[in-house]
C-alpha atoms as a PDB file:
ATOM      1  CA  MET A   1       0.518  -0.148   0.014  1.00  0.00           C
ATOM      2  CA  SER A   2       1.613   3.477  -0.795  1.00  0.00           C
ATOM      3  CA  ALA A   3       2.189   5.825   1.711  1.00  0.00           C
ATOM      4  CA  GLU A   4       0.069   8.318   0.518  1.00  0.00           C
ATOM      5  CA  LYS A   5      -3.313   5.896   0.689  1.00  0.00           C
ATOM      6  CA  LYS A   6      -1.711   4.504   4.307  1.00  0.00           C
ATOM      7  CA  LEU A   7      -2.097   8.204   5.558  1.00  0.00           C
ATOM      8  CA  LYS A   8      -5.739   8.554   3.308  1.00  0.00           C
ATOM      9  CA  ASP A   9      -6.448   5.136   5.634  1.00  0.00           C
ATOM     10  CA  LEU A  10      -5.095   6.250   9.013  1.00  0.00           C
ATOM     11  CA  GLY A  11      -7.623   9.869   8.895  1.00  0.00           C
ATOM     12  CA  ILE A  12      -4.219  11.801   8.345  1.00  0.00           C
ATOM     13  CA  THR A  13      -3.981  15.056   6.270  1.00  0.00           C
ATOM     14  CA  LEU A  14      -0.497  16.180   6.389  1.00  0.00           C
ATOM     15  CA  PRO A  15      -0.046  20.107   7.682  1.00  0.00           C
ATOM     16  CA  THR A  16       1.308  22.349   5.729  1.00  0.00           C
ATOM     17  CA  PRO A  17       5.135  22.220   5.466  1.00  0.00           C
ATOM     18  CA  PRO A  18       6.372  24.806   8.252  1.00  0.00           C
ATOM     19  CA  GLN A  19       8.729  27.857   6.650  1.00  0.00           C
ATOM     20  CA  PRO A  20      12.038  27.718   8.213  1.00  0.00           C
ATOM     21  CA  ILE A  21      12.403  30.346  11.276  1.00  0.00           C
ATOM     22  CA  ALA A  22      16.529  30.988  10.194  1.00  0.00           C
ATOM     23  CA  ASN A  23      18.802  31.024   7.606  1.00  0.00           C
ATOM     24  CA  TYR A  24      18.315  27.382   6.219  1.00  0.00           C
ATOM     25  CA  VAL A  25      16.152  25.213   3.917  1.00  0.00           C
ATOM     26  CA  ARG A  26      13.745  22.408   4.860  1.00  0.00           C
ATOM     27  CA  ALA A  27      15.481  19.893   3.073  1.00  0.00           C
ATOM     28  CA  VAL A  28      18.357  19.589   0.398  1.00  0.00           C
ATOM     29  CA  ARG A  29      18.312  16.292  -1.676  1.00  0.00           C
ATOM     30  CA  ALA A  30      21.991  14.708  -2.472  1.00  0.00           C
ATOM     31  CA  GLY A  31      21.756  12.161  -4.683  1.00  0.00           C
ATOM     32  CA  ASN A  32      19.476   9.364  -3.753  1.00  0.00           C
ATOM     33  CA  PHE A  33      19.541  11.633  -0.474  1.00  0.00           C
ATOM     34  CA  LEU A  34      17.210  13.769   1.175  1.00  0.00           C
ATOM     35  CA  PHE A  35      18.359  15.484   4.182  1.00  0.00           C
ATOM     36  CA  VAL A  36      15.477  16.871   6.278  1.00  0.00           C
ATOM     37  CA  SER A  37      16.449  20.092   8.546  1.00  0.00           C
ATOM     38  CA  GLY A  38      15.231  19.775  11.969  1.00  0.00           C
ATOM     39  CA  HIS A  39      11.641  20.237  12.714  1.00  0.00           C
ATOM     40  CA  GLY A  40       9.312  21.256  15.336  1.00  0.00           C
ATOM     41  CA  PRO A  41       5.864  21.220  16.484  1.00  0.00           C
ATOM     42  CA  TYR A  42       4.357  24.202  14.476  1.00  0.00           C
ATOM     43  CA  ASN A  43       1.042  23.871  12.847  1.00  0.00           C
ATOM     44  CA  ASP A  44       0.055  26.808  10.881  1.00  0.00           C
ATOM     45  CA  GLY A  45       2.909  29.164  11.879  1.00  0.00           C
ATOM     46  CA  LYS A  46       2.148  28.589  15.322  1.00  0.00           C
ATOM     47  CA  ILE A  47       3.910  26.477  17.923  1.00  0.00           C
ATOM     48  CA  LYS A  48       1.572  23.892  19.177  1.00  0.00           C
ATOM     49  CA  MET A  49       3.331  22.867  22.440  1.00  0.00           C
ATOM     50  CA  THR A  50       6.323  24.638  24.499  1.00  0.00           C
ATOM     51  CA  GLY A  51       7.791  23.186  27.847  1.00  0.00           C
ATOM     52  CA  LYS A  52      10.277  20.397  28.998  1.00  0.00           C
ATOM     53  CA  VAL A  53       9.475  17.240  28.814  1.00  0.00           C
ATOM     54  CA  GLY A  54       9.840  15.427  32.902  1.00  0.00           C
ATOM     55  CA  ARG A  55       8.577  18.849  34.132  1.00  0.00           C
ATOM     56  CA  GLU A  56       5.588  20.612  31.858  1.00  0.00           C
ATOM     57  CA  LEU A  57       5.000  17.660  29.638  1.00  0.00           C
ATOM     58  CA  THR A  58       4.838  13.809  30.404  1.00  0.00           C
ATOM     59  CA  VAL A  59       6.327  11.144  28.383  1.00  0.00           C
ATOM     60  CA  GLU A  60       3.305  10.547  27.054  1.00  0.00           C
ATOM     61  CA  GLU A  61       3.140  14.409  25.696  1.00  0.00           C
ATOM     62  CA  GLY A  62       6.008  13.915  24.194  1.00  0.00           C
ATOM     63  CA  TYR A  63       5.281  11.000  22.572  1.00  0.00           C
ATOM     64  CA  GLN A  64       2.265  13.227  20.469  1.00  0.00           C
ATOM     65  CA  VAL A  65       4.887  16.239  20.148  1.00  0.00           C
ATOM     66  CA  ALA A  66       7.205  13.873  18.380  1.00  0.00           C
ATOM     67  CA  ARG A  67       4.214  12.021  16.208  1.00  0.00           C
ATOM     68  CA  ASN A  68       3.187  15.696  15.375  1.00  0.00           C
ATOM     69  CA  VAL A  69       6.714  16.819  14.629  1.00  0.00           C
ATOM     70  CA  GLY A  70       7.231  13.915  12.361  1.00  0.00           C
ATOM     71  CA  LEU A  71       3.602  14.975  10.311  1.00  0.00           C
ATOM     72  CA  ASN A  72       5.618  18.200   9.576  1.00  0.00           C
ATOM     73  CA  CYS A  73       8.880  16.097   8.485  1.00  0.00           C
ATOM     74  CA  LEU A  74       6.590  14.252   5.943  1.00  0.00           C
ATOM     75  CA  ALA A  75       4.917  17.337   4.522  1.00  0.00           C
ATOM     76  CA  THR A  76       8.368  18.544   3.963  1.00  0.00           C
ATOM     77  CA  VAL A  77       9.420  15.535   2.334  1.00  0.00           C
ATOM     78  CA  LYS A  78       6.178  15.524  -0.076  1.00  0.00           C
ATOM     79  CA  ASP A  79       6.612  19.381  -0.500  1.00  0.00           C
ATOM     80  CA  ALA A  80      10.071  18.148  -1.845  1.00  0.00           C
ATOM     81  CA  MET A  81       9.613  15.246  -3.625  1.00  0.00           C
ATOM     82  CA  GLY A  82       5.991  15.853  -5.047  1.00  0.00           C
ATOM     83  CA  ASP A  83       5.211  12.261  -3.718  1.00  0.00           C
ATOM     84  CA  LEU A  84       5.780  10.483  -0.730  1.00  0.00           C
ATOM     85  CA  GLY A  85       6.132   7.280  -2.954  1.00  0.00           C
ATOM     86  CA  LYS A  86       9.682   8.466  -3.843  1.00  0.00           C
ATOM     87  CA  VAL A  87      10.803   7.436  -0.305  1.00  0.00           C
ATOM     88  CA  LYS A  88      12.500   4.100  -0.971  1.00  0.00           C
ATOM     89  CA  ARG A  89      13.659   4.012   2.886  1.00  0.00           C
ATOM     90  CA  VAL A  90      14.053   6.266   5.988  1.00  0.00           C
ATOM     91  CA  VAL A  91      17.731   5.961   6.751  1.00  0.00           C
ATOM     92  CA  LYS A  92      18.190   7.697   9.855  1.00  0.00           C
ATOM     93  CA  LEU A  93      16.479  10.323  12.509  1.00  0.00           C
ATOM     94  CA  LEU A  94      17.791  12.662  15.106  1.00  0.00           C
ATOM     95  CA  GLY A  95      15.457  13.314  17.547  1.00  0.00           C
ATOM     96  CA  MET A  96      16.280  15.789  20.172  1.00  0.00           C
ATOM     97  CA  VAL A  97      14.043  15.682  23.117  1.00  0.00           C
ATOM     98  CA  HIS A  98      14.264  18.883  25.781  1.00  0.00           C
ATOM     99  CA  CYS A  99      13.980  17.938  29.176  1.00  0.00           C
ATOM    100  CA  THR A 100      14.998  17.738  32.463  1.00  0.00           C
ATOM    101  CA  GLU A 101      17.982  16.823  33.331  1.00  0.00           C
ATOM    102  CA  ASP A 102      17.128  13.889  35.087  1.00  0.00           C
ATOM    103  CA  PHE A 103      14.813  12.624  32.271  1.00  0.00           C
ATOM    104  CA  LYS A 104      15.847   9.044  31.285  1.00  0.00           C
ATOM    105  CA  ASP A 105      13.123   8.196  28.268  1.00  0.00           C
ATOM    106  CA  GLN A 106      14.192  10.283  25.466  1.00  0.00           C
ATOM    107  CA  PRO A 107      13.681   6.809  23.234  1.00  0.00           C
ATOM    108  CA  ARG A 108       9.974   6.426  24.702  1.00  0.00           C
ATOM    109  CA  VAL A 109       9.644  10.110  23.221  1.00  0.00           C
ATOM    110  CA  ILE A 110      10.755   9.775  19.742  1.00  0.00           C
ATOM    111  CA  ASN A 111       9.066   6.853  19.314  1.00  0.00           C
ATOM    112  CA  GLY A 112       6.168   8.968  18.353  1.00  0.00           C
ATOM    113  CA  CYS A 113       7.549  10.031  15.326  1.00  0.00           C
ATOM    114  CA  SER A 114       9.324   6.405  14.745  1.00  0.00           C
ATOM    115  CA  ASP A 115       5.689   4.692  15.335  1.00  0.00           C
ATOM    116  CA  LEU A 116       4.027   7.141  12.811  1.00  0.00           C
ATOM    117  CA  LEU A 117       6.679   6.355  10.249  1.00  0.00           C
ATOM    118  CA  MET A 118       6.522   2.623  10.439  1.00  0.00           C
ATOM    119  CA  GLU A 119       2.653   3.157  10.299  1.00  0.00           C
ATOM    120  CA  VAL A 120       3.014   5.230   7.137  1.00  0.00           C
ATOM    121  CA  PHE A 121       6.027   3.004   5.342  1.00  0.00           C
ATOM    122  CA  GLY A 122       5.960  -0.193   6.605  1.00  0.00           C
ATOM    123  CA  GLN A 123       9.400  -1.742   6.612  1.00  0.00           C
ATOM    124  CA  ILE A 124      11.048   0.674   4.541  1.00  0.00           C
ATOM    125  CA  GLY A 125      10.163   2.991   7.678  1.00  0.00           C
ATOM    126  CA  LYS A 126      12.536   1.452   9.907  1.00  0.00           C
ATOM    127  CA  HIS A 127      15.396   3.543  10.758  1.00  0.00           C
ATOM    128  CA  ALA A 128      18.738   3.836  12.356  1.00  0.00           C
ATOM    129  CA  ARG A 129      18.270   6.576  15.213  1.00  0.00           C
ATOM    130  CA  SER A 130      19.520   8.838  18.144  1.00  0.00           C
ATOM    131  CA  ALA A 131      17.265   9.799  20.809  1.00  0.00           C
ATOM    132  CA  VAL A 132      18.947  12.632  23.098  1.00  0.00           C
ATOM    133  CA  GLY A 133      18.325  14.741  25.628  1.00  0.00           C
ATOM    134  CA  MET A 134      18.483  18.906  25.034  1.00  0.00           C
ATOM    135  CA  GLN A 135      18.893  21.446  27.934  1.00  0.00           C
ATOM    136  CA  ALA A 136      17.174  23.817  25.598  1.00  0.00           C
ATOM    137  CA  LEU A 137      15.722  23.456  21.592  1.00  0.00           C
ATOM    138  CA  PRO A 138      14.431  26.729  19.626  1.00  0.00           C
ATOM    139  CA  ASN A 139      11.443  29.002  21.180  1.00  0.00           C
ATOM    140  CA  GLY A 140      11.254  26.245  24.183  1.00  0.00           C
ATOM    141  CA  ILE A 141       9.789  23.636  21.795  1.00  0.00           C
ATOM    142  CA  PRO A 142       9.729  20.175  23.435  1.00  0.00           C
ATOM    143  CA  VAL A 143      11.094  18.015  20.350  1.00  0.00           C
ATOM    144  CA  GLU A 144      12.835  18.474  17.055  1.00  0.00           C
ATOM    145  CA  ILE A 145      13.580  15.844  14.783  1.00  0.00           C
ATOM    146  CA  GLU A 146      15.436  15.831  11.535  1.00  0.00           C
ATOM    147  CA  MET A 147      15.513  12.918   9.152  1.00  0.00           C
ATOM    148  CA  ILE A 148      17.579  11.083   6.067  1.00  0.00           C
ATOM    149  CA  LEU A 149      15.870   9.383   3.581  1.00  0.00           C
ATOM    150  CA  GLU A 150      16.832   7.411   0.373  1.00  0.00           C
ATOM    151  CA  VAL A 151      14.464   8.450  -2.049  1.00  0.00           C
ATOM    152  CA  ALA A 152      13.859   7.209  -5.968  1.00  0.00           C
END
């Protein structure tokens, strides 16, 4: 089943790709790879949520934010490629979690994005990943994710 059909079957509509908040582009294609810049929970030009996971947000809330960030990344991929069907493989994620110093569940938070990619792409959505804690992220967002994809 195509990624576009899978999104439809899941009742998911991709958001408008977020605009860069500084001097960079959302994605760069180099050969058969698409490098997707770090994305946060920006919807319709507004920050969807702020705060530190482990203080203002629970692990489950962080998971939902990571899922939303994943949707923003997919919106950028679709905008860059024209069709999610051109994704041959999700290669790597870097998931950054704005969290308290003693927070240890960064992987569970970033699973929000990883689980989404598996739902949408199936086996080609399985990827290498890093999930790290950060003292701060831009504008106080709780999650930032960047991706590398192999594309046709």
